[in-house]
Amino acid sequence: MWRNGREKAYRLVIQRQKRTSGDLDLWEGEYTYRCILTNDYCSSARDIVEFYNMRGGKERVFDEMNNGFGWNRLPKSFMAENTVFFLLTALIRNFYKDIMRRLDTKSFSLKQTSRIKAFVFKFICVPAKWIKTSRQHVLNIYTCNHAYMKPFPAGCG
C-alpha cells in the first residue's frame, strides 16, 4: 500500500516482463517494468493488468474517433444532436473497419491500420463518370490503378 500524504491509500501493482529482443538496456536491464496505481483491493494483480490493457485499447479507439471522425469538435451545442452524431460516426467507423478488413489494401497503397483520411484520398476521391453504352449504364473510372477492376469490373479506363 502507498499513501500520498492523505488518508486515502492506494495499491501499487508492478508488472515485470522480460525483453524479447535480448538487448540489454543500460538503464532498465533485461526487464521492462510497468506500474499501475489503483484503489482496487479486491481484484488480483493479473485482473488489474488485463483491465488496464483493455482500457489502453479503448483509448486508441477514442484517439481514432477524435482525429478521424470529428469527435474532438462537436457539431452542435445540444446533447441530443451530438448523441446522434456520436452514434452515426461510430456506425461509420464500424463499416470502415469492415471494409478495410475485406479490401485488398496493398493494391490501393493502404495499410490495415490506415486512418480514414488516407482511405478517402486513395479509395473514394477518384474521378469517375457514369456513361451509357450498349443501353447499359457503366461506371467509367479514370485512374491508372487496376485494383478498381475488382470492385467495379465493367469499366476502368
Protein backbone atom coordinates (compact mmCIF):
# COMPACT_ATOMS: atom_id res chain seq x y z
CA MET A 1 0.00 0.00 0.00
CA TRP A 2 1.10 3.51 -0.76
CA ARG A 3 -0.13 6.66 0.93
CA ASN A 4 0.19 10.02 -0.74
CA GLY A 5 0.24 12.04 2.48
CA ARG A 6 -3.53 11.92 2.81
CA GLU A 7 -5.91 9.48 4.43
CA LYS A 8 -6.57 7.55 1.22
CA ALA A 9 -4.29 4.59 0.47
CA TYR A 10 -3.62 3.18 -2.98
CA ARG A 11 -2.44 -0.18 -4.25
CA LEU A 12 0.64 -0.29 -6.48
CA VAL A 13 0.70 -3.16 -8.99
CA ILE A 14 4.04 -3.69 -10.74
CA GLN A 15 4.39 -5.84 -13.82
CA ARG A 16 7.78 -7.17 -14.87
CA GLN A 17 8.31 -8.54 -18.38
CA LYS A 18 11.50 -9.96 -19.83
CA ARG A 19 12.65 -8.24 -23.02
CA THR A 20 12.14 -10.39 -26.10
CA SER A 21 14.79 -8.67 -28.19
CA GLY A 22 17.62 -9.84 -25.94
CA ASP A 23 19.19 -6.36 -25.98
CA LEU A 24 20.22 -5.09 -22.60
CA ASP A 25 19.32 -1.52 -21.82
CA LEU A 26 21.84 0.40 -19.73
CA TRP A 27 19.14 1.90 -17.51
CA GLU A 28 16.43 -0.76 -17.41
CA GLY A 29 18.35 -4.02 -17.71
CA GLU A 30 16.81 -7.15 -19.14
CA TYR A 31 13.26 -6.45 -17.86
CA THR A 32 10.58 -3.90 -18.70
CA TYR A 33 8.60 -2.63 -15.71
CA ARG A 34 5.09 -1.21 -15.79
CA CYS A 35 3.32 0.25 -12.76
CA ILE A 36 -0.39 0.73 -12.13
CA LEU A 37 -1.66 2.76 -9.19
CA THR A 38 -5.21 1.79 -8.26
CA ASN A 39 -7.71 1.83 -5.43
CA ASP A 40 -9.00 -1.66 -6.31
CA TYR A 41 -8.11 -4.02 -3.46
CA CYS A 42 -10.45 -6.86 -4.43
CA SER A 43 -9.10 -7.92 -7.84
CA SER A 44 -5.97 -9.94 -8.38
CA ALA A 45 -2.87 -8.34 -9.88
CA ARG A 46 -3.44 -10.23 -13.15
CA ASP A 47 -7.04 -8.96 -13.41
CA ILE A 48 -5.91 -5.38 -12.83
CA VAL A 49 -3.22 -5.59 -15.52
CA GLU A 50 -5.68 -7.12 -18.02
CA PHE A 51 -8.29 -4.46 -17.22
CA TYR A 52 -5.84 -1.61 -17.77
CA ASN A 53 -4.57 -3.19 -21.01
CA MET A 54 -8.16 -3.30 -22.30
CA ARG A 55 -8.58 0.31 -21.23
CA GLY A 56 -5.48 1.24 -23.24
CA GLY A 57 -7.05 -0.37 -26.32
CA LYS A 58 -10.18 1.74 -25.84
CA GLU A 59 -8.02 4.88 -25.59
CA ARG A 60 -6.73 4.10 -29.10
CA VAL A 61 -10.32 3.90 -30.33
CA PHE A 62 -11.07 7.31 -28.79
CA ASP A 63 -7.92 8.71 -30.43
CA GLU A 64 -9.12 7.41 -33.80
CA MET A 65 -12.60 8.84 -33.27
CA ASN A 66 -11.25 12.23 -32.16
CA ASN A 67 -8.78 12.61 -35.02
CA GLY A 68 -10.53 10.79 -37.86
CA PHE A 69 -14.24 11.14 -37.26
CA GLY A 70 -14.55 14.60 -35.74
CA TRP A 71 -15.24 13.80 -32.11
CA ASN A 72 -12.75 16.46 -31.00
CA ARG A 73 -15.12 19.23 -32.15
CA LEU A 74 -18.81 18.64 -31.64
CA PRO A 75 -21.08 19.93 -34.41
CA LYS A 76 -23.97 21.13 -32.25
CA SER A 77 -24.46 22.71 -28.86
CA PHE A 78 -27.29 20.40 -27.77
CA MET A 79 -26.71 16.97 -26.29
CA ALA A 80 -29.43 15.22 -28.32
CA GLU A 81 -27.92 16.27 -31.67
CA ASN A 82 -24.40 15.40 -30.53
CA THR A 83 -25.62 11.96 -29.40
CA VAL A 84 -26.94 11.30 -32.90
CA PHE A 85 -23.60 12.48 -34.31
CA PHE A 86 -21.70 10.12 -31.97
CA LEU A 87 -23.88 7.15 -32.89
CA LEU A 88 -23.68 7.76 -36.65
CA THR A 89 -19.92 8.27 -36.69
CA ALA A 90 -19.42 5.15 -34.54
CA LEU A 91 -21.53 3.21 -37.05
CA ILE A 92 -19.49 4.66 -39.93
CA ARG A 93 -16.28 3.61 -38.14
CA ASN A 94 -17.56 0.05 -37.88
CA PHE A 95 -18.37 0.00 -41.60
CA TYR A 96 -14.95 1.46 -42.37
CA LYS A 97 -13.18 -1.21 -40.28
CA ASP A 98 -15.17 -3.94 -42.05
CA ILE A 99 -14.31 -2.52 -45.48
CA MET A 100 -10.63 -2.31 -44.55
CA ARG A 101 -10.69 -5.92 -43.36
CA ARG A 102 -12.25 -7.18 -46.61
CA LEU A 103 -10.37 -4.91 -49.02
CA ASP A 104 -7.02 -5.75 -50.60
CA THR A 105 -5.40 -2.70 -49.03
CA LYS A 106 -1.95 -3.10 -50.63
CA SER A 107 -3.36 -2.69 -54.12
CA PHE A 108 -4.72 0.73 -53.11
CA SER A 109 -1.45 1.76 -51.36
CA LEU A 110 -3.11 1.49 -47.96
CA LYS A 111 -2.35 -0.43 -44.77
CA GLN A 112 -4.78 -2.21 -42.48
CA THR A 113 -4.03 0.48 -39.90
CA SER A 114 -4.53 3.45 -42.26
CA ARG A 115 -6.65 6.27 -40.96
CA ILE A 116 -9.91 7.26 -42.61
CA LYS A 117 -8.33 10.32 -44.25
CA ALA A 118 -5.87 8.17 -46.23
CA PHE A 119 -8.72 5.83 -47.18
CA VAL A 120 -10.81 8.72 -48.50
CA PHE A 121 -7.95 10.15 -50.59
CA LYS A 122 -6.79 6.79 -52.02
CA PHE A 123 -10.07 4.90 -52.44
CA ILE A 124 -13.02 7.28 -52.57
CA CYS A 125 -11.69 10.51 -54.17
CA VAL A 126 -11.17 9.01 -57.61
CA PRO A 127 -12.60 10.70 -60.73
CA ALA A 128 -15.38 8.66 -62.27
CA LYS A 129 -18.32 9.14 -64.60
CA TRP A 130 -21.44 7.16 -65.37
CA ILE A 131 -21.64 6.59 -69.12
CA LYS A 132 -24.30 4.89 -71.21
CA THR A 133 -23.03 2.29 -73.62
CA SER A 134 -24.96 -0.53 -75.30
CA ARG A 135 -28.11 0.50 -73.44
CA GLN A 136 -26.33 -0.02 -70.10
CA HIS A 137 -25.01 2.40 -67.53
CA VAL A 138 -21.32 1.76 -66.83
CA LEU A 139 -19.14 3.44 -64.23
CA ASN A 140 -16.03 4.66 -66.02
CA ILE A 141 -13.20 5.19 -63.51
CA TYR A 142 -10.32 7.41 -64.60
CA THR A 143 -7.27 6.00 -62.86
CA CYS A 144 -4.16 4.01 -63.67
CA ASN A 145 -4.70 1.75 -60.66
CA HIS A 146 -6.07 -1.57 -61.91
CA ALA A 147 -7.22 -2.55 -58.43
CA TYR A 148 -10.56 -0.84 -59.19
CA MET A 149 -11.31 -3.57 -61.75
CA LYS A 150 -12.28 -5.99 -58.96
CA PRO A 151 -14.97 -3.89 -57.22
CA PHE A 152 -16.06 -2.21 -60.48
CA PRO A 153 -15.42 -4.75 -63.26
CA ALA A 154 -17.34 -3.06 -66.08
CA GLY A 155 -15.31 -0.01 -66.94
CA CYS A 156 -11.95 1.29 -65.81
CA GLY A 157 -10.31 3.47 -68.36
